[in-house]
Amino acid sequence: MTREVQTEEAQSVEETEVAEEAEVSEETEADQAEEDVEETSAYLIRKKSGEVIPLNKGAFVIGKLPICCDYVVSDNPSLSRVHAVIHYHEEDGKYYIADCNSTNHIYLDGRRMAGDALRTLEDKMHIHLANEAFICHLKGQ
């Protein structure tokens, strides 16, 4: 074997090792993200994309208007500009959802929520903001 061929083979092996390390690194980062979410007390999973949305504020706003929403759903015209607010009450340690006079309503486990109601969220509850589906995950409930 010539020195040139040996150098090419060494480069090929090195590139393969780097690619494998990158894959392991990506898997480790994904695992770490899941562990970080598990430490959070509450989060939503957007069913369409699988995205994990930590509920990290006392009043968490969801809609399609970026200037005032904490989570923006820009790819669904059925959502209102400010569709819903999820409130965390420290007094009782529970999460509540309120409809912000949305056009296409909120559905909790398939039931339409009254427009002026404040409803308690429960672990594994299915939330539909118009036709956008989420699953609610709450720690310790």
C-alpha atoms as a PDB file:
ATOM      1  CA  MET A   1       0.000   0.000   0.000  1.00  0.00           C
ATOM      2  CA  THR A   2       1.262   3.428  -0.814  1.00  0.00           C
ATOM      3  CA  ARG A   3       1.500   6.173   1.738  1.00  0.00           C
ATOM      4  CA  GLU A   4      -1.245   8.117  -0.109  1.00  0.00           C
ATOM      5  CA  VAL A   5      -3.738   5.228   0.139  1.00  0.00           C
ATOM      6  CA  GLN A   6      -2.920   4.721   3.821  1.00  0.00           C
ATOM      7  CA  THR A   7      -3.554   8.440   4.456  1.00  0.00           C
ATOM      8  CA  GLU A   8      -6.929   8.292   2.653  1.00  0.00           C
ATOM      9  CA  GLU A   9      -7.960   5.220   4.688  1.00  0.00           C
ATOM     10  CA  ALA A  10      -6.921   6.938   7.917  1.00  0.00           C
ATOM     11  CA  GLN A  11      -8.972  10.010   6.973  1.00  0.00           C
ATOM     12  CA  SER A  12     -11.969   7.808   6.138  1.00  0.00           C
ATOM     13  CA  VAL A  13     -11.739   6.034   9.516  1.00  0.00           C
ATOM     14  CA  GLU A  14     -11.374   9.375  11.296  1.00  0.00           C
ATOM     15  CA  GLU A  15     -14.439  10.821   9.497  1.00  0.00           C
ATOM     16  CA  THR A  16     -16.486   7.742  10.448  1.00  0.00           C
ATOM     17  CA  GLU A  17     -15.441   8.086  14.102  1.00  0.00           C
ATOM     18  CA  VAL A  18     -16.346  11.799  14.116  1.00  0.00           C
ATOM     19  CA  ALA A  19     -19.757  11.044  12.570  1.00  0.00           C
ATOM     20  CA  GLU A  20     -20.428   8.325  15.165  1.00  0.00           C
ATOM     21  CA  GLU A  21     -19.421  10.678  17.994  1.00  0.00           C
ATOM     22  CA  ALA A  22     -21.792  13.342  16.618  1.00  0.00           C
ATOM     23  CA  GLU A  23     -24.677  10.828  16.580  1.00  0.00           C
ATOM     24  CA  VAL A  24     -23.950   9.809  20.174  1.00  0.00           C
ATOM     25  CA  SER A  25     -23.735  13.483  21.155  1.00  0.00           C
ATOM     26  CA  GLU A  26     -27.142  14.220  19.551  1.00  0.00           C
ATOM     27  CA  GLU A  27     -28.710  11.232  21.324  1.00  0.00           C
ATOM     28  CA  THR A  28     -27.196  12.366  24.626  1.00  0.00           C
ATOM     29  CA  GLU A  29     -28.553  15.899  24.128  1.00  0.00           C
ATOM     30  CA  ALA A  30     -32.035  14.524  23.361  1.00  0.00           C
ATOM     31  CA  ASP A  31     -31.904  12.306  26.455  1.00  0.00           C
ATOM     32  CA  GLN A  32     -30.774  15.284  28.538  1.00  0.00           C
ATOM     33  CA  ALA A  33     -33.652  17.405  27.178  1.00  0.00           C
ATOM     34  CA  GLU A  34     -36.129  14.691  28.205  1.00  0.00           C
ATOM     35  CA  GLU A  35     -34.571  14.495  31.677  1.00  0.00           C
ATOM     36  CA  ASP A  36     -34.721  18.302  32.011  1.00  0.00           C
ATOM     37  CA  VAL A  37     -38.414  18.251  31.067  1.00  0.00           C
ATOM     38  CA  GLU A  38     -39.101  15.488  33.576  1.00  0.00           C
ATOM     39  CA  GLU A  39     -37.712  17.764  36.289  1.00  0.00           C
ATOM     40  CA  THR A  40     -40.133  20.520  35.252  1.00  0.00           C
ATOM     41  CA  SER A  41     -43.401  20.402  37.123  1.00  0.00           C
ATOM     42  CA  ALA A  42     -45.597  20.852  34.056  1.00  0.00           C
ATOM     43  CA  TYR A  43     -45.362  20.840  30.298  1.00  0.00           C
ATOM     44  CA  LEU A  44     -47.449  20.361  27.183  1.00  0.00           C
ATOM     45  CA  ILE A  45     -46.637  18.145  24.242  1.00  0.00           C
ATOM     46  CA  ARG A  46     -47.806  19.433  20.895  1.00  0.00           C
ATOM     47  CA  LYS A  47     -49.125  16.329  19.158  1.00  0.00           C
ATOM     48  CA  LYS A  48     -48.521  17.617  15.631  1.00  0.00           C
ATOM     49  CA  SER A  49     -44.783  18.080  16.121  1.00  0.00           C
ATOM     50  CA  GLY A  50     -43.968  16.225  19.350  1.00  0.00           C
ATOM     51  CA  GLU A  51     -42.548  19.468  20.709  1.00  0.00           C
ATOM     52  CA  VAL A  52     -42.259  19.742  24.477  1.00  0.00           C
ATOM     53  CA  ILE A  53     -43.485  23.069  25.867  1.00  0.00           C
ATOM     54  CA  PRO A  54     -42.502  23.766  29.493  1.00  0.00           C
ATOM     55  CA  LEU A  55     -45.094  25.744  31.436  1.00  0.00           C
ATOM     56  CA  ASN A  56     -42.471  27.957  33.013  1.00  0.00           C
ATOM     57  CA  LYS A  57     -44.449  31.070  33.920  1.00  0.00           C
ATOM     58  CA  GLY A  58     -47.284  31.869  36.297  1.00  0.00           C
ATOM     59  CA  ALA A  59     -49.425  32.929  33.329  1.00  0.00           C
ATOM     60  CA  PHE A  60     -48.457  31.133  30.110  1.00  0.00           C
ATOM     61  CA  VAL A  61     -50.125  32.522  26.964  1.00  0.00           C
ATOM     62  CA  ILE A  62     -50.691  30.446  23.818  1.00  0.00           C
ATOM     63  CA  GLY A  63     -51.778  31.846  20.471  1.00  0.00           C
ATOM     64  CA  LYS A  64     -50.416  33.041  17.167  1.00  0.00           C
ATOM     65  CA  LEU A  65     -49.390  36.617  18.021  1.00  0.00           C
ATOM     66  CA  PRO A  66     -45.642  36.592  18.763  1.00  0.00           C
ATOM     67  CA  ILE A  67     -45.578  39.919  20.558  1.00  0.00           C
ATOM     68  CA  CYS A  68     -47.670  38.709  23.492  1.00  0.00           C
ATOM     69  CA  CYS A  69     -47.666  34.893  23.451  1.00  0.00           C
ATOM     70  CA  ASP A  70     -45.235  32.675  25.328  1.00  0.00           C
ATOM     71  CA  TYR A  71     -45.848  29.873  22.842  1.00  0.00           C
ATOM     72  CA  VAL A  72     -46.679  30.804  19.259  1.00  0.00           C
ATOM     73  CA  VAL A  73     -48.518  28.466  16.890  1.00  0.00           C
ATOM     74  CA  SER A  74     -47.796  30.159  13.592  1.00  0.00           C
ATOM     75  CA  ASP A  75     -48.727  27.290  11.285  1.00  0.00           C
ATOM     76  CA  ASN A  76     -52.390  26.908  12.238  1.00  0.00           C
ATOM     77  CA  PRO A  77     -54.860  29.616  11.144  1.00  0.00           C
ATOM     78  CA  SER A  78     -57.605  28.154  13.377  1.00  0.00           C
ATOM     79  CA  LEU A  79     -55.967  29.511  16.529  1.00  0.00           C
ATOM     80  CA  SER A  80     -56.787  32.990  17.733  1.00  0.00           C
ATOM     81  CA  ARG A  81     -54.082  35.612  18.155  1.00  0.00           C
ATOM     82  CA  VAL A  82     -54.343  35.127  21.923  1.00  0.00           C
ATOM     83  CA  HIS A  83     -56.166  31.830  22.335  1.00  0.00           C
ATOM     84  CA  ALA A  84     -55.593  30.609  25.900  1.00  0.00           C
ATOM     85  CA  VAL A  85     -53.798  31.314  29.158  1.00  0.00           C
ATOM     86  CA  ILE A  86     -52.570  28.605  31.500  1.00  0.00           C
ATOM     87  CA  HIS A  87     -52.290  29.881  35.068  1.00  0.00           C
ATOM     88  CA  TYR A  88     -50.334  28.319  37.894  1.00  0.00           C
ATOM     89  CA  HIS A  89     -51.739  28.972  41.378  1.00  0.00           C
ATOM     90  CA  GLU A  90     -49.126  28.571  44.096  1.00  0.00           C
ATOM     91  CA  GLU A  91     -51.815  28.452  46.799  1.00  0.00           C
ATOM     92  CA  ASP A  92     -53.135  25.074  45.706  1.00  0.00           C
ATOM     93  CA  GLY A  93     -50.292  23.994  43.371  1.00  0.00           C
ATOM     94  CA  LYS A  94     -52.670  23.510  40.442  1.00  0.00           C
ATOM     95  CA  TYR A  95     -52.744  24.642  36.837  1.00  0.00           C
ATOM     96  CA  TYR A  96     -55.819  26.246  35.295  1.00  0.00           C
ATOM     97  CA  ILE A  97     -56.702  27.127  31.725  1.00  0.00           C
ATOM     98  CA  ALA A  98     -58.766  30.083  30.536  1.00  0.00           C
ATOM     99  CA  ASP A  99     -60.154  30.790  27.080  1.00  0.00           C
ATOM    100  CA  CYS A 100     -59.281  34.298  25.867  1.00  0.00           C
ATOM    101  CA  ASN A 101     -62.519  34.711  23.878  1.00  0.00           C
ATOM    102  CA  SER A 102     -61.080  32.570  21.099  1.00  0.00           C
ATOM    103  CA  THR A 103     -63.043  32.109  17.898  1.00  0.00           C
ATOM    104  CA  ASN A 104     -62.686  28.320  17.755  1.00  0.00           C
ATOM    105  CA  HIS A 105     -62.768  27.504  21.472  1.00  0.00           C
ATOM    106  CA  ILE A 106     -60.895  25.163  23.794  1.00  0.00           C
ATOM    107  CA  TYR A 107     -61.764  21.507  24.249  1.00  0.00           C
ATOM    108  CA  LEU A 108     -60.611  19.513  27.286  1.00  0.00           C
ATOM    109  CA  ASP A 109     -60.778  15.746  26.840  1.00  0.00           C
ATOM    110  CA  GLY A 110     -63.244  16.306  24.002  1.00  0.00           C
ATOM    111  CA  ARG A 111     -65.599  18.648  25.875  1.00  0.00           C
ATOM    112  CA  ARG A 112     -65.982  22.254  24.844  1.00  0.00           C
ATOM    113  CA  MET A 113     -65.003  24.648  27.581  1.00  0.00           C
ATOM    114  CA  ALA A 114     -67.390  27.461  28.469  1.00  0.00           C
ATOM    115  CA  GLY A 115     -65.972  30.784  27.276  1.00  0.00           C
ATOM    116  CA  ASP A 116     -65.782  32.467  30.666  1.00  0.00           C
ATOM    117  CA  ALA A 117     -64.762  29.420  32.708  1.00  0.00           C
ATOM    118  CA  LEU A 118     -61.465  28.718  34.421  1.00  0.00           C
ATOM    119  CA  ARG A 119     -60.884  24.965  34.334  1.00  0.00           C
ATOM    120  CA  THR A 120     -58.412  22.875  36.325  1.00  0.00           C
ATOM    121  CA  LEU A 121     -55.912  20.952  34.228  1.00  0.00           C
ATOM    122  CA  GLU A 122     -55.164  17.343  35.052  1.00  0.00           C
ATOM    123  CA  ASP A 123     -52.256  15.089  34.191  1.00  0.00           C
ATOM    124  CA  LYS A 124     -52.581  13.422  30.752  1.00  0.00           C
ATOM    125  CA  MET A 125     -55.493  15.708  29.845  1.00  0.00           C
ATOM    126  CA  HIS A 126     -55.999  16.241  26.111  1.00  0.00           C
ATOM    127  CA  ILE A 127     -56.274  19.917  25.241  1.00  0.00           C
ATOM    128  CA  HIS A 128     -57.459  21.152  21.863  1.00  0.00           C
ATOM    129  CA  LEU A 129     -57.045  24.821  21.059  1.00  0.00           C
ATOM    130  CA  ALA A 130     -59.337  24.927  18.035  1.00  0.00           C
ATOM    131  CA  ASN A 131     -58.020  21.909  16.093  1.00  0.00           C
ATOM    132  CA  GLU A 132     -54.479  22.010  17.550  1.00  0.00           C
ATOM    133  CA  ALA A 133     -53.930  19.113  19.956  1.00  0.00           C
ATOM    134  CA  PHE A 134     -51.757  19.079  23.071  1.00  0.00           C
ATOM    135  CA  ILE A 135     -51.297  16.647  25.956  1.00  0.00           C
ATOM    136  CA  CYS A 136     -50.835  18.121  29.409  1.00  0.00           C
ATOM    137  CA  HIS A 137     -48.238  16.579  31.732  1.00  0.00           C
ATOM    138  CA  LEU A 138     -48.226  17.600  35.380  1.00  0.00           C
ATOM    139  CA  LYS A 139     -45.812  16.317  38.039  1.00  0.00           C
ATOM    140  CA  GLY A 140     -47.289  15.009  41.259  1.00  0.00           C
ATOM    141  CA  GLN A 141     -50.904  15.133  40.164  1.00  0.00           C
END
